Each structure stands twice: as C-alpha cells, then as structure tokens.
C-alpha cells in the first residue's frame, strides 16, 4: 500500500512573494547555465555543473546582484539539477 501525505502551506503574503522570487531566480540560473553549457559544448569544450557554478558566482555580484535576495541553495540547486539532467542525457547516448 502506498501512502501519501498532503501538506498545505498557508504562507503570509511576504512568504508567498519570497517563494515567487526564489522560483524565478532558480529558473533564471538554470536557463543561464543551460545556455552557457550549450555555448561551451558547441565550442568544443567539456562543461561541467561545478565549472558553470564557479563561472556564475564570479559574475554574479556585478551582473546579477538580485540573486542574493534568496538563499544560496536556490542557485546551488539549479546547477545540481542541470548537472543531473546532462548526466542523464549523456548516459542515454551511451546505451
């Protein structure tokens, strides 16, 4: 038997706004990483999630200061997801 638990959040308006900002930031970082990964891959380089995270953090303060409004795990999680997505993709090509 599979059991599931439903938990309903009742965020305050401030918390709801923070959730929206966090989701938008993660989406932006993921898309930035995806575009940069594709650019580097087409240039013949071998990008990695760790290298892209380092590259993003180097330019983050100057170009994307608004990403500091949310916790750092939002940014880290986007690169972890991106790395997993490409690992799964390339593992599929090997089969």
Protein backbone atom coordinates (compact mmCIF):
# COMPACT_ATOMS: atom_id res chain seq x y z
CA UNK A 1 0.00 0.00 0.00
CA UNK A 2 1.31 3.41 -0.95
CA UNK A 3 0.60 6.19 1.47
CA UNK A 4 0.85 9.86 0.78
CA UNK A 5 0.73 12.91 2.97
CA UNK A 6 -0.62 16.19 1.79
CA UNK A 7 0.68 19.25 3.49
CA UNK A 8 -0.85 22.57 2.74
CA UNK A 9 1.18 25.73 3.17
CA UNK A 10 -0.54 28.88 4.24
CA UNK A 11 2.19 31.44 3.62
CA UNK A 12 1.90 35.04 4.58
CA UNK A 13 1.91 37.49 1.68
CA UNK A 14 5.62 38.16 2.34
CA UNK A 15 6.42 34.44 2.28
CA UNK A 16 4.41 33.91 -0.90
CA UNK A 17 6.33 36.74 -2.57
CA UNK A 18 9.62 35.17 -1.44
CA UNK A 19 8.59 31.81 -2.93
CA UNK A 20 7.88 33.52 -6.25
CA UNK A 21 11.27 35.28 -6.17
CA UNK A 22 13.06 32.04 -5.29
CA UNK A 23 11.36 30.13 -8.11
CA UNK A 24 12.12 32.91 -10.60
CA UNK A 25 15.75 33.06 -9.52
CA UNK A 26 16.16 29.29 -9.84
CA UNK A 27 14.57 29.33 -13.28
CA UNK A 28 16.85 32.15 -14.39
CA UNK A 29 20.01 30.47 -13.07
CA UNK A 30 19.06 27.12 -14.65
CA UNK A 31 18.40 28.77 -18.03
CA UNK A 32 21.65 30.76 -17.79
CA UNK A 33 23.55 27.56 -17.05
CA UNK A 34 21.82 25.72 -19.89
CA UNK A 35 22.66 28.45 -22.40
CA UNK A 36 26.26 28.63 -21.21
CA UNK A 37 26.57 24.81 -21.28
CA UNK A 38 25.32 24.73 -24.87
CA UNK A 39 27.65 27.55 -25.89
CA UNK A 40 30.68 25.86 -24.37
CA UNK A 41 29.74 22.43 -25.72
CA UNK A 42 29.38 23.78 -29.26
CA UNK A 43 32.76 25.47 -28.89
CA UNK A 44 34.29 22.04 -28.28
CA UNK A 45 34.77 22.44 -24.54
CA UNK A 46 33.60 19.98 -21.87
CA UNK A 47 31.45 21.99 -19.45
CA UNK A 48 30.51 20.73 -16.01
CA UNK A 49 27.96 21.89 -13.48
CA UNK A 50 30.72 22.70 -10.99
CA UNK A 51 32.64 24.84 -13.51
CA UNK A 52 29.48 26.67 -14.55
CA UNK A 53 28.61 27.37 -10.92
CA UNK A 54 32.07 28.82 -10.39
CA UNK A 55 31.74 30.92 -13.53
CA UNK A 56 28.31 32.17 -12.47
CA UNK A 57 29.49 33.05 -8.97
CA UNK A 58 32.37 35.06 -10.47
CA UNK A 59 29.97 37.34 -12.37
CA UNK A 60 27.01 37.12 -10.01
CA UNK A 61 27.77 40.16 -7.85
CA UNK A 62 28.22 42.54 -10.79
CA UNK A 63 25.69 41.26 -13.32
CA UNK A 64 23.01 39.58 -11.21
CA UNK A 65 23.00 41.18 -7.73
CA UNK A 66 19.28 40.44 -7.31
CA UNK A 67 20.12 36.72 -6.98
CA UNK A 68 21.42 37.47 -3.48
CA UNK A 69 17.86 38.22 -2.32
CA UNK A 70 17.21 34.48 -1.93
CA UNK A 71 19.11 31.73 -0.15
CA UNK A 72 22.22 30.34 -1.82
CA UNK A 73 20.68 26.88 -2.05
CA UNK A 74 18.42 28.19 -4.81
CA UNK A 75 21.44 28.86 -7.02
CA UNK A 76 23.26 25.68 -5.99
CA UNK A 77 20.18 23.57 -6.63
CA UNK A 78 19.80 24.92 -10.15
CA UNK A 79 23.33 23.79 -11.05
CA UNK A 80 22.83 20.41 -9.37
CA UNK A 81 19.66 19.85 -11.42
CA UNK A 82 21.43 20.96 -14.59
CA UNK A 83 24.31 18.58 -13.96
CA UNK A 84 21.91 15.68 -13.35
CA UNK A 85 19.95 16.49 -16.50
CA UNK A 86 23.05 16.41 -18.68
CA UNK A 87 24.43 13.31 -16.96
CA UNK A 88 21.14 11.51 -17.66
CA UNK A 89 21.17 12.78 -21.25
CA UNK A 90 24.71 11.64 -21.98
CA UNK A 91 24.14 8.29 -20.21
CA UNK A 92 21.23 7.76 -22.61
CA UNK A 93 23.52 8.38 -25.57
CA UNK A 94 25.92 5.70 -24.35
CA UNK A 95 23.23 3.00 -24.29
